[in-house]
């Protein structure tokens, strides 16, 4: 059974940093493209970053240079490193496995002073 569990969200001040984790079970994430998305209050869900099975990454322009996606194959975990956070980054962040469209429950990130 495929499961994804996100963690690492919380309250952070503007300009701060957070690292989100997404632990996968029931599959080996090294063989799949994994993605972080977010949904802010009153907004549509949007893609943030993708890591492909070959390790290539794609960071959306809106967060390029500040966010980074990575993975730890041994820990079967995908990370989203977020730096220089802005208030507009406030959202629920989700990770998903593209093949099969599996999603985690999300983790709340609030950027506020």
Protein backbone atom coordinates (compact mmCIF):
# COMPACT_ATOMS: atom_id res chain seq x y z
CA UNK A 1 0.00 0.00 0.00
CA UNK A 2 1.46 3.32 -1.09
CA UNK A 3 1.54 5.96 1.61
CA UNK A 4 3.08 9.41 1.81
CA UNK A 5 3.48 11.29 5.08
CA UNK A 6 4.58 14.91 5.14
CA UNK A 7 6.06 16.71 8.13
CA UNK A 8 8.12 19.74 9.00
CA UNK A 9 5.56 22.48 8.57
CA UNK A 10 4.98 25.20 11.12
CA UNK A 11 5.06 28.91 11.79
CA UNK A 12 8.06 30.84 10.52
CA UNK A 13 8.84 34.51 10.19
CA UNK A 14 9.33 36.13 6.79
CA UNK A 15 12.85 35.53 5.60
CA UNK A 16 13.09 32.31 7.56
CA UNK A 17 13.64 28.74 6.44
CA UNK A 18 11.92 25.40 6.78
CA UNK A 19 12.62 21.91 5.55
CA UNK A 20 9.67 19.70 4.76
CA UNK A 21 9.93 15.92 4.64
CA UNK A 22 7.82 13.37 2.82
CA UNK A 23 8.35 9.76 3.83
CA UNK A 24 7.14 7.17 1.36
CA UNK A 25 6.14 3.61 2.15
CA UNK A 26 4.96 0.74 0.01
CA UNK A 27 7.25 1.69 -2.84
CA UNK A 28 10.82 2.82 -3.57
CA UNK A 29 10.71 6.49 -4.48
CA UNK A 30 13.94 6.28 -6.44
CA UNK A 31 11.95 4.78 -9.29
CA UNK A 32 9.30 7.49 -9.40
CA UNK A 33 8.92 11.18 -10.06
CA UNK A 34 7.91 12.97 -6.87
CA UNK A 35 6.45 16.43 -6.54
CA UNK A 36 5.79 19.08 -3.92
CA UNK A 37 2.71 21.22 -4.43
CA UNK A 38 0.98 23.79 -2.27
CA UNK A 39 -2.43 25.30 -1.81
CA UNK A 40 -2.73 28.69 -0.19
CA UNK A 41 -5.93 30.05 1.35
CA UNK A 42 -8.43 30.76 -1.39
CA UNK A 43 -5.99 29.69 -4.08
CA UNK A 44 -5.71 26.80 -6.48
CA UNK A 45 -3.16 24.09 -5.83
CA UNK A 46 0.12 24.81 -7.58
CA UNK A 47 3.24 22.83 -8.31
CA UNK A 48 6.35 23.91 -6.43
CA UNK A 49 9.09 21.43 -7.30
CA UNK A 50 9.58 18.05 -8.94
CA UNK A 51 12.32 15.45 -8.71
CA UNK A 52 12.43 12.82 -11.41
CA UNK A 53 13.52 9.22 -11.08
CA UNK A 54 16.90 10.03 -12.63
CA UNK A 55 17.49 12.73 -10.04
CA UNK A 56 16.82 15.73 -12.24
CA UNK A 57 14.91 18.50 -10.53
CA UNK A 58 12.53 21.16 -11.73
CA UNK A 59 11.81 24.16 -9.56
CA UNK A 60 8.96 26.49 -10.44
CA UNK A 61 9.96 30.04 -11.35
CA UNK A 62 8.06 31.55 -8.42
CA UNK A 63 10.39 29.85 -5.92
CA UNK A 64 13.49 29.31 -8.01
CA UNK A 65 16.66 30.21 -6.15
CA UNK A 66 14.95 29.91 -2.77
CA UNK A 67 13.47 26.41 -2.72
CA UNK A 68 15.18 23.12 -3.41
CA UNK A 69 13.91 19.57 -3.73
CA UNK A 70 16.03 16.56 -2.89
CA UNK A 71 15.68 12.94 -1.86
CA UNK A 72 17.31 10.39 0.37
CA UNK A 73 16.94 7.02 -1.25
CA UNK A 74 17.96 5.08 1.85
CA UNK A 75 15.43 6.93 3.97
CA UNK A 76 12.84 6.81 1.13
CA UNK A 77 12.22 10.47 1.80
CA UNK A 78 11.78 13.54 -0.36
CA UNK A 79 12.63 16.94 1.05
CA UNK A 80 11.65 20.50 0.24
CA UNK A 81 14.13 23.04 1.52
CA UNK A 82 12.55 26.49 1.67
CA UNK A 83 14.61 29.61 2.27
CA UNK A 84 13.89 33.33 2.31
CA UNK A 85 10.26 32.57 2.91
CA UNK A 86 7.65 35.15 2.02
CA UNK A 87 4.18 35.56 3.48
CA UNK A 88 2.68 34.37 0.20
CA UNK A 89 4.27 30.98 0.82
CA UNK A 90 1.64 30.35 3.47
CA UNK A 91 -0.12 27.20 2.33
CA UNK A 92 -0.67 23.53 2.92
CA UNK A 93 2.19 21.69 1.26
CA UNK A 94 1.63 18.29 -0.25
CA UNK A 95 3.93 15.72 -1.73
CA UNK A 96 2.72 13.28 -4.35
CA UNK A 97 3.93 10.46 -6.50
CA UNK A 98 3.07 11.35 -10.05
CA UNK A 99 2.52 7.80 -11.26
CA UNK A 100 -0.69 6.63 -9.77
CA UNK A 101 -1.42 10.12 -8.38
CA UNK A 102 -0.79 9.27 -4.73
CA UNK A 103 -0.92 12.17 -2.26
CA UNK A 104 -0.02 12.76 1.33
CA UNK A 105 -2.23 14.52 3.85
CA UNK A 106 -0.28 17.76 3.67
CA UNK A 107 1.60 19.89 6.18
CA UNK A 108 0.73 23.50 7.02
CA UNK A 109 3.30 26.23 6.52
CA UNK A 110 2.51 29.67 7.86
CA UNK A 111 4.83 32.58 7.17
CA UNK A 112 3.99 35.47 9.42
CA UNK A 113 5.59 37.96 11.76
